[in-house]
Amino acid sequence: MNQLIIRAIEERFKKSNIPDFKPGDTVKVHVKVKEGDKERIQVFEGVVIARRGGGLRETFTVRKISFGVGVERVFPLHSPIIDKIELVRRGDVRRAKLYYLRTKKGKEAKVKEKTDYQKA
């Protein structure tokens, strides 16, 4: 009974405009940033290295290199601070968690792009 109530409440707050993305994909996350009394949109572009949790508590981690320094940011998937998520390109990986990218530098840290061939 409690599970049904929790699930019904969660459905009300879930976002519906989330693209289907997986670890290895490059995404642009448009985040609402509040500075004083002004609010603006800031774009954080990087590779998704992890996705965890489920339902309303689902989060994903995005990693990018900024001025030679690795920056990771964890976003709640259904958070109101996220304006939108854009899928830039699909990555071809065989792992669900790409934490090994933290130790790689330069071209080693690149994720191969997934190519989908049409069947003839």
PDB file of N, CA and C in Angstrom:
ATOM      1  N   MET A   1       0.822  -1.193   0.000  1.00  0.00           N
ATOM      2  CA  MET A   1       0.000   0.000   0.000  1.00  0.00           C
ATOM      3  C   MET A   1       0.870   1.262   0.000  1.00  0.00           C
ATOM      4  N   ASN A   2       1.877   1.278   0.885  1.00  0.00           N
ATOM      5  CA  ASN A   2       2.759   2.441   0.936  1.00  0.00           C
ATOM      6  C   ASN A   2       3.502   2.626  -0.373  1.00  0.00           C
ATOM      7  N   GLN A   3       3.907   1.519  -0.994  1.00  0.00           N
ATOM      8  CA  GLN A   3       4.622   1.596  -2.268  1.00  0.00           C
ATOM      9  C   GLN A   3       3.759   2.255  -3.339  1.00  0.00           C
ATOM     10  N   LEU A   4       2.474   1.949  -3.347  1.00  0.00           N
ATOM     11  CA  LEU A   4       1.574   2.545  -4.334  1.00  0.00           C
ATOM     12  C   LEU A   4       1.442   4.050  -4.120  1.00  0.00           C
ATOM     13  N   ILE A   5       1.376   4.463  -2.878  1.00  0.00           N
ATOM     14  CA  ILE A   5       1.263   5.891  -2.573  1.00  0.00           C
ATOM     15  C   ILE A   5       2.534   6.621  -2.982  1.00  0.00           C
ATOM     16  N   ILE A   6       3.689   6.035  -2.633  1.00  0.00           N
ATOM     17  CA  ILE A   6       4.974   6.647  -2.987  1.00  0.00           C
ATOM     18  C   ILE A   6       5.117   6.739  -4.497  1.00  0.00           C
ATOM     19  N   ARG A   7       4.764   5.673  -5.205  1.00  0.00           N
ATOM     20  CA  ARG A   7       4.870   5.660  -6.667  1.00  0.00           C
ATOM     21  C   ARG A   7       3.955   6.704  -7.297  1.00  0.00           C
ATOM     22  N   ALA A   8       2.767   6.883  -6.751  1.00  0.00           N
ATOM     23  CA  ALA A   8       1.828   7.875  -7.291  1.00  0.00           C
ATOM     24  C   ALA A   8       2.355   9.296  -7.086  1.00  0.00           C
ATOM     25  N   ILE A   9       2.952   9.546  -5.928  1.00  0.00           N
ATOM     26  CA  ILE A   9       3.511  10.875  -5.661  1.00  0.00           C
ATOM     27  C   ILE A   9       4.707  11.133  -6.564  1.00  0.00           C
ATOM     28  N   GLU A  10       5.568  10.118  -6.738  1.00  0.00           N
ATOM     29  CA  GLU A  10       6.751  10.271  -7.588  1.00  0.00           C
ATOM     30  C   GLU A  10       6.373  10.558  -9.037  1.00  0.00           C
ATOM     31  N   GLU A  11       5.331   9.933  -9.532  1.00  0.00           N
ATOM     32  CA  GLU A  11       4.906  10.133 -10.922  1.00  0.00           C
ATOM     33  C   GLU A  11       4.524  11.588 -11.183  1.00  0.00           C
ATOM     34  N   ARG A  12       3.998  12.259 -10.158  1.00  0.00           N
ATOM     35  CA  ARG A  12       3.606  13.652 -10.322  1.00  0.00           C
ATOM     36  C   ARG A  12       4.798  14.574 -10.547  1.00  0.00           C
ATOM     37  N   PHE A  13       5.939  14.250  -9.931  1.00  0.00           N
ATOM     38  CA  PHE A  13       7.096  15.132  -9.986  1.00  0.00           C
ATOM     39  C   PHE A  13       8.130  14.726 -11.028  1.00  0.00           C
ATOM     40  N   LYS A  14       7.938  13.596 -11.700  1.00  0.00           N
ATOM     41  CA  LYS A  14       8.894  13.161 -12.721  1.00  0.00           C
ATOM     42  C   LYS A  14       8.810  14.049 -13.949  1.00  0.00           C
ATOM     43  N   LYS A  15       9.980  14.282 -14.563  1.00  0.00           N
ATOM     44  CA  LYS A  15      10.019  15.042 -15.809  1.00  0.00           C
ATOM     45  C   LYS A  15       9.768  14.096 -16.976  1.00  0.00           C
ATOM     46  N   SER A  16       9.138  14.621 -18.017  1.00  0.00           N
ATOM     47  CA  SER A  16       8.825  13.778 -19.176  1.00  0.00           C
ATOM     48  C   SER A  16       9.712  14.085 -20.376  1.00  0.00           C
ATOM     49  N   ASN A  17      10.458  15.198 -20.335  1.00  0.00           N
ATOM     50  CA  ASN A  17      11.241  15.617 -21.500  1.00  0.00           C
ATOM     51  C   ASN A  17      12.709  15.194 -21.396  1.00  0.00           C
ATOM     52  N   ILE A  18      12.981  14.045 -20.793  1.00  0.00           N
ATOM     53  CA  ILE A  18      14.355  13.572 -20.621  1.00  0.00           C
ATOM     54  C   ILE A  18      14.701  12.639 -21.773  1.00  0.00           C
ATOM     55  N   PRO A  19      15.788  12.926 -22.501  1.00  0.00           N
ATOM     56  CA  PRO A  19      16.175  12.034 -23.600  1.00  0.00           C
ATOM     57  C   PRO A  19      16.741  10.720 -23.066  1.00  0.00           C
ATOM     58  N   ASP A  20      16.763   9.711 -23.908  1.00  0.00           N
ATOM     59  CA  ASP A  20      17.310   8.410 -23.533  1.00  0.00           C
ATOM     60  C   ASP A  20      18.823   8.472 -23.694  1.00  0.00           C
ATOM     61  N   PHE A  21      19.554   8.587 -22.603  1.00  0.00           N
ATOM     62  CA  PHE A  21      21.014   8.626 -22.671  1.00  0.00           C
ATOM     63  C   PHE A  21      21.599   7.614 -21.699  1.00  0.00           C
ATOM     64  N   LYS A  22      22.815   7.173 -22.017  1.00  0.00           N
ATOM     65  CA  LYS A  22      23.490   6.131 -21.257  1.00  0.00           C
ATOM     66  C   LYS A  22      24.903   6.589 -20.922  1.00  0.00           C
ATOM     67  N   PRO A  23      25.603   5.882 -20.044  1.00  0.00           N
ATOM     68  CA  PRO A  23      27.018   6.204 -19.815  1.00  0.00           C
ATOM     69  C   PRO A  23      27.811   6.105 -21.111  1.00  0.00           C
ATOM     70  N   GLY A  24      28.703   7.055 -21.326  1.00  0.00           N
ATOM     71  CA  GLY A  24      29.481   7.126 -22.561  1.00  0.00           C
ATOM     72  C   GLY A  24      28.956   8.171 -23.521  1.00  0.00           C
ATOM     73  N   ASP A  25      27.707   8.571 -23.361  1.00  0.00           N
ATOM     74  CA  ASP A  25      27.122   9.593 -24.226  1.00  0.00           C
ATOM     75  C   ASP A  25      27.601  10.980 -23.796  1.00  0.00           C
ATOM     76  N   THR A  26      27.743  11.866 -24.774  1.00  0.00           N
ATOM     77  CA  THR A  26      28.083  13.255 -24.486  1.00  0.00           C
ATOM     78  C   THR A  26      26.783  14.050 -24.447  1.00  0.00           C
ATOM     79  N   VAL A  27      26.580  14.787 -23.358  1.00  0.00           N
ATOM     80  CA  VAL A  27      25.341  15.540 -23.179  1.00  0.00           C
ATOM     81  C   VAL A  27      25.647  16.989 -22.823  1.00  0.00           C
ATOM     82  N   LYS A  28      24.670  17.848 -23.110  1.00  0.00           N
ATOM     83  CA  LYS A  28      24.696  19.237 -22.656  1.00  0.00           C
ATOM     84  C   LYS A  28      23.575  19.368 -21.638  1.00  0.00           C
ATOM     85  N   VAL A  29      23.937  19.743 -20.420  1.00  0.00           N
ATOM     86  CA  VAL A  29      22.950  19.928 -19.360  1.00  0.00           C
ATOM     87  C   VAL A  29      22.773  21.429 -19.148  1.00  0.00           C
ATOM     88  N   HIS A  30      21.569  21.917 -19.368  1.00  0.00           N
ATOM     89  CA  HIS A  30      21.253  23.331 -19.168  1.00  0.00           C
ATOM     90  C   HIS A  30      20.751  23.493 -17.732  1.00  0.00           C
ATOM     91  N   VAL A  31      21.559  24.161 -16.906  1.00  0.00           N
ATOM     92  CA  VAL A  31      21.288  24.286 -15.478  1.00  0.00           C
ATOM     93  C   VAL A  31      20.874  25.718 -15.153  1.00  0.00           C
ATOM     94  N   LYS A  32      19.849  25.857 -14.330  1.00  0.00           N
ATOM     95  CA  LYS A  32      19.428  27.181 -13.865  1.00  0.00           C
ATOM     96  C   LYS A  32      20.331  27.584 -12.703  1.00  0.00           C
ATOM     97  N   VAL A  33      21.005  28.729 -12.854  1.00  0.00           N
ATOM     98  CA  VAL A  33      21.905  29.239 -11.817  1.00  0.00           C
ATOM     99  C   VAL A  33      21.325  30.542 -11.291  1.00  0.00           C
ATOM    100  N   LYS A  34      21.203  30.631  -9.975  1.00  0.00           N
ATOM    101  CA  LYS A  34      20.658  31.842  -9.367  1.00  0.00           C
ATOM    102  C   LYS A  34      21.801  32.616  -8.725  1.00  0.00           C
ATOM    103  N   GLU A  35      21.996  33.849  -9.180  1.00  0.00           N
ATOM    104  CA  GLU A  35      23.019  34.736  -8.632  1.00  0.00           C
ATOM    105  C   GLU A  35      22.329  35.996  -8.126  1.00  0.00           C
ATOM    106  N   GLY A  36      22.233  36.113  -6.829  1.00  0.00           N
ATOM    107  CA  GLY A  36      21.506  37.245  -6.253  1.00  0.00           C
ATOM    108  C   GLY A  36      20.026  37.096  -6.536  1.00  0.00           C
ATOM    109  N   ASP A  37      19.454  38.096  -7.212  1.00  0.00           N
ATOM    110  CA  ASP A  37      18.043  38.014  -7.580  1.00  0.00           C
ATOM    111  C   ASP A  37      17.861  37.680  -9.054  1.00  0.00           C
ATOM    112  N   LYS A  38      18.975  37.443  -9.766  1.00  0.00           N
ATOM    113  CA  LYS A  38      18.905  37.088 -11.186  1.00  0.00           C
ATOM    114  C   LYS A  38      19.053  35.585 -11.363  1.00  0.00           C
ATOM    115  N   GLU A  39      18.406  35.086 -12.398  1.00  0.00           N
ATOM    116  CA  GLU A  39      18.517  33.667 -12.731  1.00  0.00           C
ATOM    117  C   GLU A  39      18.918  33.544 -14.188  1.00  0.00           C
ATOM    118  N   ARG A  40      19.891  32.677 -14.462  1.00  0.00           N
ATOM    119  CA  ARG A  40      20.340  32.472 -15.837  1.00  0.00           C
ATOM    120  C   ARG A  40      20.563  30.992 -16.070  1.00  0.00           C
ATOM    121  N   ILE A  41      20.760  30.641 -17.350  1.00  0.00           N
ATOM    122  CA  ILE A  41      21.000  29.254 -17.737  1.00  0.00           C
ATOM    123  C   ILE A  41      22.488  29.078 -18.011  1.00  0.00           C
ATOM    124  N   GLN A  42      23.085  28.046 -17.409  1.00  0.00           N
ATOM    125  CA  GLN A  42      24.487  27.718 -17.636  1.00  0.00           C
ATOM    126  C   GLN A  42      24.545  26.322 -18.240  1.00  0.00           C
ATOM    127  N   VAL A  43      25.347  26.151 -19.294  1.00  0.00           N
ATOM    128  CA  VAL A  43      25.439  24.869 -19.987  1.00  0.00           C
ATOM    129  C   VAL A  43      26.674  24.124 -19.494  1.00  0.00           C
ATOM    130  N   PHE A  44      26.487  22.868 -19.116  1.00  0.00           N
ATOM    131  CA  PHE A  44      27.583  22.004 -18.684  1.00  0.00           C
ATOM    132  C   PHE A  44      27.622  20.835 -19.661  1.00  0.00           C
ATOM    133  N   GLU A  45      28.664  20.784 -20.498  1.00  0.00           N
ATOM    134  CA  GLU A  45      28.768  19.731 -21.514  1.00  0.00           C
ATOM    135  C   GLU A  45      29.882  18.767 -21.142  1.00  0.00           C
ATOM    136  N   GLY A  46      29.585  17.472 -21.201  1.00  0.00           N
ATOM    137  CA  GLY A  46      30.591  16.475 -20.880  1.00  0.00           C
ATOM    138  C   GLY A  46      30.081  15.069 -21.141  1.00  0.00           C
ATOM    139  N   VAL A  47      30.891  14.097 -20.732  1.00  0.00           N
ATOM    140  CA  VAL A  47      30.580  12.681 -20.934  1.00  0.00           C
ATOM    141  C   VAL A  47      29.888  12.151 -19.682  1.00  0.00           C
ATOM    142  N   VAL A  48      28.801  11.413 -19.880  1.00  0.00           N
ATOM    143  CA  VAL A  48      28.114  10.778 -18.761  1.00  0.00           C
ATOM    144  C   VAL A  48      28.964   9.587 -18.328  1.00  0.00           C
ATOM    145  N   ILE A  49      29.436   9.594 -17.082  1.00  0.00           N
ATOM    146  CA  ILE A  49      30.268   8.479 -16.627  1.00  0.00           C
ATOM    147  C   ILE A  49      29.504   7.529 -15.710  1.00  0.00           C
ATOM    148  N   ALA A  50      28.341   7.940 -15.215  1.00  0.00           N
ATOM    149  CA  ALA A  50      27.558   7.048 -14.357  1.00  0.00           C
ATOM    150  C   ALA A  50      26.112   7.508 -14.307  1.00  0.00           C
ATOM    151  N   ARG A  51      25.257   6.520 -14.085  1.00  0.00           N
ATOM    152  CA  ARG A  51      23.842   6.774 -13.851  1.00  0.00           C
ATOM    153  C   ARG A  51      23.423   5.839 -12.734  1.00  0.00           C
ATOM    154  N   ARG A  52      22.804   6.357 -11.706  1.00  0.00           N
ATOM    155  CA  ARG A  52      22.468   5.501 -10.574  1.00  0.00           C
ATOM    156  C   ARG A  52      21.127   5.874  -9.966  1.00  0.00           C
ATOM    157  N   GLY A  53      20.593   4.971  -9.165  1.00  0.00           N
ATOM    158  CA  GLY A  53      19.316   5.202  -8.504  1.00  0.00           C
ATOM    159  C   GLY A  53      18.159   4.880  -9.431  1.00  0.00           C
ATOM    160  N   GLY A  54      16.979   5.173  -8.958  1.00  0.00           N
ATOM    161  CA  GLY A  54      15.794   4.910  -9.755  1.00  0.00           C
ATOM    162  C   GLY A  54      14.653   5.805  -9.323  1.00  0.00           C
ATOM    163  N   GLY A  55      13.694   5.948 -10.187  1.00  0.00           N
ATOM    164  CA  GLY A  55      12.538   6.774  -9.876  1.00  0.00           C
ATOM    165  C   GLY A  55      12.899   8.237  -9.754  1.00  0.00           C
ATOM    166  N   LEU A  56      12.386   8.871  -8.746  1.00  0.00           N
ATOM    167  CA  LEU A  56      12.602  10.296  -8.534  1.00  0.00           C
ATOM    168  C   LEU A  56      14.006  10.598  -8.022  1.00  0.00           C
ATOM    169  N   ARG A  57      14.663   9.587  -7.422  1.00  0.00           N
ATOM    170  CA  ARG A  57      15.995   9.776  -6.839  1.00  0.00           C
ATOM    171  C   ARG A  57      17.122   9.469  -7.809  1.00  0.00           C
ATOM    172  N   GLU A  58      16.841   9.277  -9.076  1.00  0.00           N
ATOM    173  CA  GLU A  58      17.879   8.924 -10.047  1.00  0.00           C
ATOM    174  C   GLU A  58      18.823  10.100 -10.292  1.00  0.00           C
ATOM    175  N   THR A  59      20.140   9.801 -10.334  1.00  0.00           N
ATOM    176  CA  THR A  59      21.150  10.819 -10.592  1.00  0.00           C
ATOM    177  C   THR A  59      22.075  10.354 -11.704  1.00  0.00           C
ATOM    178  N   PHE A  60      22.767  11.311 -12.315  1.00  0.00           N
ATOM    179  CA  PHE A  60      23.777  10.976 -13.310  1.00  0.00           C
ATOM    180  C   PHE A  60      24.970  11.897 -13.117  1.00  0.00           C
ATOM    181  N   THR A  61      26.160  11.374 -13.447  1.00  0.00           N
ATOM    182  CA  THR A  61      27.405  12.115 -13.271  1.00  0.00           C
ATOM    183  C   THR A  61      27.968  12.463 -14.632  1.00  0.00           C
ATOM    184  N   VAL A  62      28.320  13.734 -14.825  1.00  0.00           N
ATOM    185  CA  VAL A  62      28.885  14.220 -16.085  1.00  0.00           C
ATOM    186  C   VAL A  62      30.301  14.707 -15.813  1.00  0.00           C
ATOM    187  N   ARG A  63      31.239  14.311 -16.679  1.00  0.00           N
ATOM    188  CA  ARG A  63      32.645  14.700 -16.528  1.00  0.00           C
ATOM    189  C   ARG A  63      33.098  15.471 -17.751  1.00  0.00           C
ATOM    190  N   LYS A  64      33.826  16.569 -17.510  1.00  0.00           N
ATOM    191  CA  LYS A  64      34.416  17.329 -18.603  1.00  0.00           C
ATOM    192  C   LYS A  64      35.787  17.816 -18.161  1.00  0.00           C
ATOM    193  N   ILE A  65      36.608  18.195 -19.135  1.00  0.00           N
ATOM    194  CA  ILE A  65      37.919  18.762 -18.856  1.00  0.00           C
ATOM    195  C   ILE A  65      37.816  20.268 -19.089  1.00  0.00           C
ATOM    196  N   SER A  66      38.096  21.060 -18.058  1.00  0.00           N
ATOM    197  CA  SER A  66      38.028  22.510 -18.149  1.00  0.00           C
ATOM    198  C   SER A  66      39.390  23.092 -17.800  1.00  0.00           C
ATOM    199  N   PHE A  67      40.046  23.706 -18.798  1.00  0.00           N
ATOM    200  CA  PHE A  67      41.374  24.295 -18.630  1.00  0.00           C
ATOM    201  C   PHE A  67      42.373  23.289 -18.064  1.00  0.00           C
ATOM    202  N   GLY A  68      42.306  22.050 -18.558  1.00  0.00           N
ATOM    203  CA  GLY A  68      43.249  21.016 -18.145  1.00  0.00           C
ATOM    204  C   GLY A  68      42.914  20.332 -16.832  1.00  0.00           C
ATOM    205  N   VAL A  69      41.810  20.695 -16.219  1.00  0.00           N
ATOM    206  CA  VAL A  69      41.404  20.101 -14.947  1.00  0.00           C
ATOM    207  C   VAL A  69      40.098  19.348 -15.157  1.00  0.00           C
ATOM    208  N   GLY A  70      40.023  18.117 -14.665  1.00  0.00           N
ATOM    209  CA  GLY A  70      38.800  17.331 -14.766  1.00  0.00           C
ATOM    210  C   GLY A  70      37.752  17.831 -13.791  1.00  0.00           C
ATOM    211  N   VAL A  71      36.550  18.064 -14.299  1.00  0.00           N
ATOM    212  CA  VAL A  71      35.443  18.545 -13.467  1.00  0.00           C
ATOM    213  C   VAL A  71      34.296  17.554 -13.598  1.00  0.00           C
ATOM    214  N   GLU A  72      33.809  17.069 -12.461  1.00  0.00           N
ATOM    215  CA  GLU A  72      32.660  16.169 -12.453  1.00  0.00           C
ATOM    216  C   GLU A  72      31.528  16.834 -11.691  1.00  0.00           C
ATOM    217  N   ARG A  73      30.334  16.606 -12.183  1.00  0.00           N
ATOM    218  CA  ARG A  73      29.176  17.179 -11.516  1.00  0.00           C
ATOM    219  C   ARG A  73      28.064  16.139 -11.496  1.00  0.00           C
ATOM    220  N   VAL A  74      27.436  15.967 -10.356  1.00  0.00           N
ATOM    221  CA  VAL A  74      26.342  15.012 -10.193  1.00  0.00           C
ATOM    222  C   VAL A  74      25.035  15.787 -10.241  1.00  0.00           C
ATOM    223  N   PHE A  75      24.140  15.354 -11.131  1.00  0.00           N
ATOM    224  CA  PHE A  75      22.846  16.020 -11.294  1.00  0.00           C
ATOM    225  C   PHE A  75      21.718  15.064 -10.918  1.00  0.00           C
ATOM    226  N   PRO A  76      20.755  15.502 -10.108  1.00  0.00           N
ATOM    227  CA  PRO A  76      19.524  14.727  -9.943  1.00  0.00           C
ATOM    228  C   PRO A  76      18.731  14.826 -11.250  1.00  0.00           C
ATOM    229  N   LEU A  77      18.293  13.704 -11.769  1.00  0.00           N
ATOM    230  CA  LEU A  77      17.670  13.666 -13.094  1.00  0.00           C
ATOM    231  C   LEU A  77      16.374  14.472 -13.162  1.00  0.00           C
ATOM    232  N   HIS A  78      15.573  14.417 -12.122  1.00  0.00           N
ATOM    233  CA  HIS A  78      14.262  15.079 -12.141  1.00  0.00           C
ATOM    234  C   HIS A  78      14.257  16.389 -11.356  1.00  0.00           C
ATOM    235  N   SER A  79      15.415  17.010 -11.187  1.00  0.00           N
ATOM    236  CA  SER A  79      15.531  18.236 -10.406  1.00  0.00           C
ATOM    237  C   SER A  79      14.960  19.437 -11.160  1.00  0.00           C
ATOM    238  N   PRO A  80      14.347  20.374 -10.453  1.00  0.00           N
ATOM    239  CA  PRO A  80      13.843  21.579 -11.119  1.00  0.00           C
ATOM    240  C   PRO A  80      14.954  22.530 -11.568  1.00  0.00           C
ATOM    241  N   ILE A  81      16.200  22.353 -11.082  1.00  0.00           N
ATOM    242  CA  ILE A  81      17.285  23.239 -11.530  1.00  0.00           C
ATOM    243  C   ILE A  81      17.760  22.879 -12.933  1.00  0.00           C
ATOM    244  N   ILE A  82      17.408  21.688 -13.414  1.00  0.00           N
ATOM    245  CA  ILE A  82      17.779  21.298 -14.776  1.00  0.00           C
ATOM    246  C   ILE A  82      16.698  21.793 -15.724  1.00  0.00           C
ATOM    247  N   ASP A  83      17.097  22.678 -16.643  1.00  0.00           N
ATOM    248  CA  ASP A  83      16.160  23.222 -17.619  1.00  0.00           C
ATOM    249  C   ASP A  83      15.900  22.197 -18.713  1.00  0.00           C
ATOM    250  N   LYS A  84      16.992  21.679 -19.308  1.00  0.00           N
ATOM    251  CA  LYS A  84      16.847  20.629 -20.317  1.00  0.00           C
ATOM    252  C   LYS A  84      18.164  19.890 -20.468  1.00  0.00           C
ATOM    253  N   ILE A  85      18.087  18.709 -21.067  1.00  0.00           N
ATOM    254  CA  ILE A  85      19.258  17.880 -21.339  1.00  0.00           C
ATOM    255  C   ILE A  85      19.273  17.600 -22.832  1.00  0.00           C
ATOM    256  N   GLU A  86      20.393  17.938 -23.486  1.00  0.00           N
ATOM    257  CA  GLU A  86      20.548  17.687 -24.920  1.00  0.00           C
ATOM    258  C   GLU A  86      21.544  16.559 -25.123  1.00  0.00           C
ATOM    259  N   LEU A  87      21.214  15.625 -25.983  1.00  0.00           N
ATOM    260  CA  LEU A  87      22.134  14.551 -26.344  1.00  0.00           C
ATOM    261  C   LEU A  87      22.970  15.029 -27.523  1.00  0.00           C
ATOM    262  N   VAL A  88      24.296  15.138 -27.334  1.00  0.00           N
ATOM    263  CA  VAL A  88      25.189  15.634 -28.378  1.00  0.00           C
ATOM    264  C   VAL A  88      25.638  14.488 -29.273  1.00  0.00           C
ATOM    265  N   ARG A  89      26.147  13.394 -28.656  1.00  0.00           N
ATOM    266  CA  ARG A  89      26.545  12.225 -29.439  1.00  0.00           C
ATOM    267  C   ARG A  89      26.513  10.987 -28.572  1.00  0.00           C
ATOM    268  N   ARG A  90      26.329   9.856 -29.228  1.00  0.00           N
ATOM    269  CA  ARG A  90      26.282   8.564 -28.545  1.00  0.00           C
ATOM    270  C   ARG A  90      27.687   8.000 -28.411  1.00  0.00           C
ATOM    271  N   GLY A  91      27.973   7.394 -27.288  1.00  0.00           N
ATOM    272  CA  GLY A  91      29.274   6.780 -27.070  1.00  0.00           C
ATOM    273  C   GLY A  91      29.166   5.269 -27.104  1.00  0.00           C
ATOM    274  N   ASP A  92      30.237   4.614 -27.547  1.00  0.00           N
ATOM    275  CA  ASP A  92      30.269   3.157 -27.644  1.00  0.00           C
ATOM    276  C   ASP A  92      31.141   2.620 -26.516  1.00  0.00           C
ATOM    277  N   VAL A  93      30.518   2.209 -25.411  1.00  0.00           N
ATOM    278  CA  VAL A  93      31.246   1.684 -24.259  1.00  0.00           C
ATOM    279  C   VAL A  93      30.628   0.358 -23.824  1.00  0.00           C
ATOM    280  N   ARG A  94      31.398  -0.398 -23.045  1.00  0.00           N
ATOM    281  CA  ARG A  94      30.926  -1.699 -22.578  1.00  0.00           C
ATOM    282  C   ARG A  94      30.757  -1.751 -21.067  1.00  0.00           C
ATOM    283  N   ARG A  95      30.762  -0.622 -20.429  1.00  0.00           N
ATOM    284  CA  ARG A  95      30.641  -0.561 -18.977  1.00  0.00           C
ATOM    285  C   ARG A  95      29.490   0.373 -18.589  1.00  0.00           C
ATOM    286  N   ALA A  96      28.952   0.140 -17.403  1.00  0.00           N
ATOM    287  CA  ALA A  96      27.898   1.008 -16.889  1.00  0.00           C
ATOM    288  C   ALA A  96      28.474   2.182 -16.109  1.00  0.00           C
ATOM    289  N   LYS A  97      29.642   1.977 -15.519  1.00  0.00           N
ATOM    290  CA  LYS A  97      30.319   3.036 -14.770  1.00  0.00           C
ATOM    291  C   LYS A  97      31.679   3.273 -15.409  1.00  0.00           C
ATOM    292  N   LEU A  98      31.947   4.487 -15.841  1.00  0.00           N
ATOM    293  CA  LEU A  98      33.183   4.810 -16.563  1.00  0.00           C
ATOM    294  C   LEU A  98      34.159   5.570 -15.668  1.00  0.00           C
ATOM    295  N   TYR A  99      34.317   5.107 -14.436  1.00  0.00           N
ATOM    296  CA  TYR A  99      35.210   5.785 -13.500  1.00  0.00           C
ATOM    297  C   TYR A  99      36.669   5.688 -13.931  1.00  0.00           C
ATOM    298  N   TYR A 100      36.997   4.742 -14.791  1.00  0.00           N
ATOM    299  CA  TYR A 100      38.377   4.603 -15.270  1.00  0.00           C
ATOM    300  C   TYR A 100      38.814   5.815 -16.098  1.00  0.00           C
ATOM    301  N   LEU A 101      37.876   6.614 -16.594  1.00  0.00           N
ATOM    302  CA  LEU A 101      38.233   7.811 -17.364  1.00  0.00           C
ATOM    303  C   LEU A 101      38.928   8.863 -16.495  1.00  0.00           C
ATOM    304  N   ARG A 102      38.776   8.739 -15.178  1.00  0.00           N
ATOM    305  CA  ARG A 102      39.421   9.705 -14.279  1.00  0.00           C
ATOM    306  C   ARG A 102      40.942   9.619 -14.357  1.00  0.00           C
ATOM    307  N   THR A 103      41.469   8.440 -14.644  1.00  0.00           N
ATOM    308  CA  THR A 103      42.927   8.259 -14.676  1.00  0.00           C
ATOM    309  C   THR A 103      43.507   8.498 -16.058  1.00  0.00           C
ATOM    310  N   LYS A 104      42.663   8.630 -17.071  1.00  0.00           N
ATOM    311  CA  LYS A 104      43.137   8.816 -18.444  1.00  0.00           C
ATOM    312  C   LYS A 104      43.340  10.294 -18.745  1.00  0.00           C
ATOM    313  N   LYS A 105      44.285  10.576 -19.634  1.00  0.00           N
ATOM    314  CA  LYS A 105      44.569  11.953 -20.029  1.00  0.00           C
ATOM    315  C   LYS A 105      44.558  12.067 -21.550  1.00  0.00           C
ATOM    316  N   GLY A 106      44.190  13.231 -22.050  1.00  0.00           N
ATOM    317  CA  GLY A 106      44.257  13.514 -23.480  1.00  0.00           C
ATOM    318  C   GLY A 106      43.369  12.612 -24.313  1.00  0.00           C
ATOM    319  N   LYS A 107      43.964  12.040 -25.370  1.00  0.00           N
ATOM    320  CA  LYS A 107      43.191  11.222 -26.298  1.00  0.00           C
ATOM    321  C   LYS A 107      42.760   9.894 -25.683  1.00  0.00           C
ATOM    322  N   GLU A 108      43.456   9.440 -24.651  1.00  0.00           N
ATOM    323  CA  GLU A 108      43.066   8.202 -23.975  1.00  0.00           C
ATOM    324  C   GLU A 108      41.682   8.320 -23.340  1.00  0.00           C
ATOM    325  N   ALA A 109      41.327   9.525 -22.931  1.00  0.00           N
ATOM    326  CA  ALA A 109      40.069   9.747 -22.221  1.00  0.00           C
ATOM    327  C   ALA A 109      38.886   9.902 -23.171  1.00  0.00           C
ATOM    328  N   LYS A 110      39.119   9.821 -24.473  1.00  0.00           N
ATOM    329  CA  LYS A 110      38.022   9.956 -25.439  1.00  0.00           C
ATOM    330  C   LYS A 110      37.192   8.677 -25.470  1.00  0.00           C
ATOM    331  N   VAL A 111      35.907   8.859 -25.707  1.00  0.00           N
ATOM    332  CA  VAL A 111      34.993   7.735 -25.850  1.00  0.00           C
ATOM    333  C   VAL A 111      34.652   7.610 -27.321  1.00  0.00           C
ATOM    334  N   LYS A 112      34.775   6.398 -27.844  1.00  0.00           N
ATOM    335  CA  LYS A 112      34.504   6.153 -29.255  1.00  0.00           C
ATOM    336  C   LYS A 112      33.026   6.401 -29.555  1.00  0.00           C
ATOM    337  N   GLU A 113      32.752   7.003 -30.719  1.00  0.00           N
ATOM    338  CA  GLU A 113      31.366   7.298 -31.099  1.00  0.00           C
ATOM    339  C   GLU A 113      30.696   6.047 -31.638  1.00  0.00           C
ATOM    340  N   LYS A 114      29.444   5.872 -31.260  1.00  0.00           N
ATOM    341  CA  LYS A 114      28.678   4.708 -31.699  1.00  0.00           C
ATOM    342  C   LYS A 114      28.159   4.948 -33.106  1.00  0.00           C
ATOM    343  N   THR A 115      28.355   3.979 -33.980  1.00  0.00           N
ATOM    344  CA  THR A 115      27.851   4.081 -35.350  1.00  0.00           C
ATOM    345  C   THR A 115      26.758   3.046 -35.535  1.00  0.00           C
ATOM    346  N   ASP A 116      25.607   3.491 -35.957  1.00  0.00           N
ATOM    347  CA  ASP A 116      24.477   2.600 -36.218  1.00  0.00           C
ATOM    348  C   ASP A 116      24.338   2.418 -37.717  1.00  0.00           C
ATOM    349  N   TYR A 117      24.519   1.202 -38.161  1.00  0.00           N
ATOM    350  CA  TYR A 117      24.390   0.907 -39.580  1.00  0.00           C
ATOM    351  C   TYR A 117      22.990   0.382 -39.858  1.00  0.00           C
ATOM    352  N   GLN A 118      22.398   0.868 -40.931  1.00  0.00           N
ATOM    353  CA  GLN A 118      21.071   0.423 -41.332  1.00  0.00           C
ATOM    354  C   GLN A 118      21.168  -0.927 -42.013  1.00  0.00           C
ATOM    355  N   LYS A 119      20.223  -1.812 -41.713  1.00  0.00           N
ATOM    356  CA  LYS A 119      20.203  -3.116 -42.376  1.00  0.00           C
ATOM    357  C   LYS A 119      19.630  -2.956 -43.772  1.00  0.00           C
ATOM    358  N   ALA A 120      20.256  -3.598 -44.744  1.00  0.00           N
ATOM    359  CA  ALA A 120      19.833  -3.461 -46.141  1.00  0.00           C
ATOM    360  C   ALA A 120      18.650  -4.324 -46.465  1.00  0.00           C
TER     361      ALA A 120
END
